[in-house]
């Protein structure tokens, strides 16, 4: 545990936003990490109370620094050093109905194909959705 300030790449790696320190550094260089809504270079320091916004492979994460840490520890210990303000992900959309055809029924007819598309929510009777009127 450190008392003054910690590099943002080391901090985001230590609290497990990124799996490796080099991935955290690359994310900072690419502009995927912001400290207090300003772009952060890897060597920029974070202090207690700063807000860190990071675009991770799992989605965008927003954390507030509550403690400083430079060494990677267990997830439970790392969670003590930040407050997660990330909004919950939106609910998953319902999957379309699965159409099961009898084995050996052959290819669907044009009528069957239209019924299948209608079940999937893609009613093509109005023409191609990619066309412009």
C-alpha atoms as a PDB file:
ATOM      1  CA  UNK A   1       0.000   0.000   0.000  1.00  0.00           C
ATOM      2  CA  UNK A   2       1.289   3.437  -0.920  1.00  0.00           C
ATOM      3  CA  UNK A   3       0.486   6.839   0.603  1.00  0.00           C
ATOM      4  CA  UNK A   4       0.953   9.559  -2.040  1.00  0.00           C
ATOM      5  CA  UNK A   5      -0.024   8.740  -5.572  1.00  0.00           C
ATOM      6  CA  UNK A   6       0.169   5.768  -7.922  1.00  0.00           C
ATOM      7  CA  UNK A   7       0.620   5.505 -11.682  1.00  0.00           C
ATOM      8  CA  UNK A   8      -2.721   4.971 -13.404  1.00  0.00           C
ATOM      9  CA  UNK A   9      -1.499   1.956 -15.406  1.00  0.00           C
ATOM     10  CA  UNK A  10      -0.233   0.230 -12.245  1.00  0.00           C
ATOM     11  CA  UNK A  11      -3.439   1.052 -10.388  1.00  0.00           C
ATOM     12  CA  UNK A  12      -5.813  -0.234 -13.088  1.00  0.00           C
ATOM     13  CA  UNK A  13      -3.776  -3.438 -13.294  1.00  0.00           C
ATOM     14  CA  UNK A  14      -3.641  -3.866  -9.502  1.00  0.00           C
ATOM     15  CA  UNK A  15      -7.419  -3.507  -9.083  1.00  0.00           C
ATOM     16  CA  UNK A  16      -7.921  -6.020 -11.905  1.00  0.00           C
ATOM     17  CA  UNK A  17      -9.429  -3.833 -14.608  1.00  0.00           C
ATOM     18  CA  UNK A  18      -6.772  -5.230 -16.965  1.00  0.00           C
ATOM     19  CA  UNK A  19      -5.203  -8.672 -16.887  1.00  0.00           C
ATOM     20  CA  UNK A  20      -1.615  -7.526 -17.440  1.00  0.00           C
ATOM     21  CA  UNK A  21       0.361  -4.392 -16.721  1.00  0.00           C
ATOM     22  CA  UNK A  22       1.271  -4.071 -20.386  1.00  0.00           C
ATOM     23  CA  UNK A  23      -2.422  -4.261 -21.328  1.00  0.00           C
ATOM     24  CA  UNK A  24      -3.138  -1.440 -18.875  1.00  0.00           C
ATOM     25  CA  UNK A  25      -0.298   0.623 -20.354  1.00  0.00           C
ATOM     26  CA  UNK A  26      -1.529  -0.020 -23.907  1.00  0.00           C
ATOM     27  CA  UNK A  27      -5.062   1.002 -22.926  1.00  0.00           C
ATOM     28  CA  UNK A  28      -3.760   4.272 -21.494  1.00  0.00           C
ATOM     29  CA  UNK A  29      -1.749   4.982 -24.637  1.00  0.00           C
ATOM     30  CA  UNK A  30      -4.789   4.221 -26.810  1.00  0.00           C
ATOM     31  CA  UNK A  31      -6.931   6.692 -24.856  1.00  0.00           C
ATOM     32  CA  UNK A  32      -9.180   4.075 -23.231  1.00  0.00           C
ATOM     33  CA  UNK A  33      -8.453   5.284 -19.693  1.00  0.00           C
ATOM     34  CA  UNK A  34      -9.589   8.653 -18.321  1.00  0.00           C
ATOM     35  CA  UNK A  35      -8.927  10.155 -14.917  1.00  0.00           C
ATOM     36  CA  UNK A  36     -11.469  12.795 -13.860  1.00  0.00           C
ATOM     37  CA  UNK A  37     -12.819  12.876 -17.437  1.00  0.00           C
ATOM     38  CA  UNK A  38      -9.410  13.758 -18.923  1.00  0.00           C
ATOM     39  CA  UNK A  39      -7.330  11.398 -21.029  1.00  0.00           C
ATOM     40  CA  UNK A  40      -4.622   9.658 -19.037  1.00  0.00           C
ATOM     41  CA  UNK A  41      -1.099   8.721 -20.054  1.00  0.00           C
ATOM     42  CA  UNK A  42       0.353   5.613 -18.368  1.00  0.00           C
ATOM     43  CA  UNK A  43       2.543   7.622 -15.965  1.00  0.00           C
ATOM     44  CA  UNK A  44      -0.243   9.948 -14.814  1.00  0.00           C
ATOM     45  CA  UNK A  45      -0.853   9.625 -11.090  1.00  0.00           C
ATOM     46  CA  UNK A  46      -4.132   8.862  -9.361  1.00  0.00           C
ATOM     47  CA  UNK A  47      -4.972   9.963  -5.847  1.00  0.00           C
ATOM     48  CA  UNK A  48      -7.725   9.036  -3.435  1.00  0.00           C
ATOM     49  CA  UNK A  49     -11.012  10.499  -4.641  1.00  0.00           C
ATOM     50  CA  UNK A  50     -10.142  10.448  -8.353  1.00  0.00           C
ATOM     51  CA  UNK A  51     -12.644   8.979 -10.780  1.00  0.00           C
ATOM     52  CA  UNK A  52     -11.190   6.486 -13.282  1.00  0.00           C
ATOM     53  CA  UNK A  53     -13.131   5.505 -16.398  1.00  0.00           C
ATOM     54  CA  UNK A  54     -11.656   2.570 -18.339  1.00  0.00           C
ATOM     55  CA  UNK A  55     -12.796   0.794 -21.473  1.00  0.00           C
ATOM     56  CA  UNK A  56     -12.016  -2.866 -20.754  1.00  0.00           C
ATOM     57  CA  UNK A  57     -12.614  -6.014 -22.794  1.00  0.00           C
ATOM     58  CA  UNK A  58     -15.663  -6.641 -20.582  1.00  0.00           C
ATOM     59  CA  UNK A  59     -17.127  -3.179 -21.213  1.00  0.00           C
ATOM     60  CA  UNK A  60     -16.710   0.271 -19.735  1.00  0.00           C
ATOM     61  CA  UNK A  61     -15.903   0.437 -16.008  1.00  0.00           C
ATOM     62  CA  UNK A  62     -16.160   3.507 -13.787  1.00  0.00           C
ATOM     63  CA  UNK A  63     -14.424   3.423 -10.400  1.00  0.00           C
ATOM     64  CA  UNK A  64     -13.626   5.930  -7.668  1.00  0.00           C
ATOM     65  CA  UNK A  65     -10.256   5.520  -5.964  1.00  0.00           C
ATOM     66  CA  UNK A  66     -10.709   4.844  -2.223  1.00  0.00           C
ATOM     67  CA  UNK A  67      -7.250   3.456  -1.542  1.00  0.00           C
ATOM     68  CA  UNK A  68      -3.942   3.241  -3.361  1.00  0.00           C
ATOM     69  CA  UNK A  69      -2.427  -0.074  -4.349  1.00  0.00           C
ATOM     70  CA  UNK A  70       0.481  -0.935  -6.657  1.00  0.00           C
ATOM     71  CA  UNK A  71       0.797  -4.700  -6.270  1.00  0.00           C
ATOM     72  CA  UNK A  72      -1.751  -7.078  -7.730  1.00  0.00           C
ATOM     73  CA  UNK A  73      -3.561  -8.963  -4.973  1.00  0.00           C
ATOM     74  CA  UNK A  74      -6.682 -11.081  -4.674  1.00  0.00           C
ATOM     75  CA  UNK A  75      -9.922  -9.717  -6.085  1.00  0.00           C
ATOM     76  CA  UNK A  76     -11.396  -9.403  -2.592  1.00  0.00           C
ATOM     77  CA  UNK A  77      -8.471  -7.281  -1.361  1.00  0.00           C
ATOM     78  CA  UNK A  78      -8.377  -5.236  -4.559  1.00  0.00           C
ATOM     79  CA  UNK A  79     -12.091  -4.412  -4.186  1.00  0.00           C
ATOM     80  CA  UNK A  80     -11.306  -2.590  -0.946  1.00  0.00           C
ATOM     81  CA  UNK A  81      -9.372   0.050  -2.901  1.00  0.00           C
ATOM     82  CA  UNK A  82     -12.157   1.301  -5.181  1.00  0.00           C
ATOM     83  CA  UNK A  83     -15.894   1.953  -5.366  1.00  0.00           C
ATOM     84  CA  UNK A  84     -17.458   0.584  -8.530  1.00  0.00           C
ATOM     85  CA  UNK A  85     -19.890   3.087 -10.104  1.00  0.00           C
ATOM     86  CA  UNK A  86     -20.360   1.117 -13.317  1.00  0.00           C
ATOM     87  CA  UNK A  87     -24.047   1.045 -14.273  1.00  0.00           C
ATOM     88  CA  UNK A  88     -25.529  -2.450 -14.605  1.00  0.00           C
ATOM     89  CA  UNK A  89     -25.605  -3.803 -18.149  1.00  0.00           C
ATOM     90  CA  UNK A  90     -28.904  -3.537 -20.015  1.00  0.00           C
ATOM     91  CA  UNK A  91     -31.046  -6.674 -19.967  1.00  0.00           C
ATOM     92  CA  UNK A  92     -30.416  -9.125 -22.745  1.00  0.00           C
ATOM     93  CA  UNK A  93     -32.930  -9.117 -25.526  1.00  0.00           C
ATOM     94  CA  UNK A  94     -35.177 -12.092 -25.818  1.00  0.00           C
ATOM     95  CA  UNK A  95     -33.881 -14.564 -28.314  1.00  0.00           C
ATOM     96  CA  UNK A  96     -36.135 -15.219 -31.303  1.00  0.00           C
ATOM     97  CA  UNK A  97     -38.172 -18.392 -31.331  1.00  0.00           C
ATOM     98  CA  UNK A  98     -36.187 -21.329 -32.524  1.00  0.00           C
ATOM     99  CA  UNK A  99     -37.625 -23.011 -35.571  1.00  0.00           C
ATOM    100  CA  UNK A 100     -37.182 -26.761 -35.614  1.00  0.00           C
ATOM    101  CA  UNK A 101     -37.896 -28.650 -38.793  1.00  0.00           C
ATOM    102  CA  UNK A 102     -38.435 -32.364 -39.011  1.00  0.00           C
ATOM    103  CA  UNK A 103     -35.369 -34.313 -40.041  1.00  0.00           C
ATOM    104  CA  UNK A 104     -35.558 -35.250 -43.711  1.00  0.00           C
ATOM    105  CA  UNK A 105     -38.229 -32.638 -44.492  1.00  0.00           C
ATOM    106  CA  UNK A 106     -36.030 -31.159 -47.202  1.00  0.00           C
ATOM    107  CA  UNK A 107     -35.499 -27.532 -48.015  1.00  0.00           C
ATOM    108  CA  UNK A 108     -38.106 -25.049 -46.840  1.00  0.00           C
ATOM    109  CA  UNK A 109     -40.446 -23.725 -49.497  1.00  0.00           C
ATOM    110  CA  UNK A 110     -40.764 -20.030 -50.164  1.00  0.00           C
ATOM    111  CA  UNK A 111     -43.864 -19.972 -47.957  1.00  0.00           C
ATOM    112  CA  UNK A 112     -42.032 -21.828 -45.149  1.00  0.00           C
ATOM    113  CA  UNK A 113     -39.099 -19.434 -45.376  1.00  0.00           C
ATOM    114  CA  UNK A 114     -41.425 -16.430 -45.054  1.00  0.00           C
ATOM    115  CA  UNK A 115     -43.095 -17.959 -41.995  1.00  0.00           C
ATOM    116  CA  UNK A 116     -39.700 -18.633 -40.429  1.00  0.00           C
ATOM    117  CA  UNK A 117     -38.559 -15.050 -41.045  1.00  0.00           C
ATOM    118  CA  UNK A 118     -41.816 -13.720 -39.572  1.00  0.00           C
ATOM    119  CA  UNK A 119     -41.248 -15.837 -36.430  1.00  0.00           C
ATOM    120  CA  UNK A 120     -37.752 -14.431 -36.110  1.00  0.00           C
ATOM    121  CA  UNK A 121     -39.114 -10.896 -36.273  1.00  0.00           C
ATOM    122  CA  UNK A 122     -37.822 -10.109 -39.728  1.00  0.00           C
ATOM    123  CA  UNK A 123     -40.953  -9.627 -41.778  1.00  0.00           C
ATOM    124  CA  UNK A 124     -39.678  -9.224 -45.319  1.00  0.00           C
ATOM    125  CA  UNK A 125     -43.094  -8.764 -46.963  1.00  0.00           C
ATOM    126  CA  UNK A 126     -42.493  -4.994 -47.150  1.00  0.00           C
ATOM    127  CA  UNK A 127     -39.435  -5.524 -49.319  1.00  0.00           C
ATOM    128  CA  UNK A 128     -35.744  -5.628 -48.527  1.00  0.00           C
ATOM    129  CA  UNK A 129     -35.000  -3.638 -45.323  1.00  0.00           C
ATOM    130  CA  UNK A 130     -31.781  -2.415 -46.913  1.00  0.00           C
ATOM    131  CA  UNK A 131     -33.605  -0.741 -49.783  1.00  0.00           C
ATOM    132  CA  UNK A 132     -34.336   2.963 -49.716  1.00  0.00           C
ATOM    133  CA  UNK A 133     -37.745   4.081 -51.061  1.00  0.00           C
END
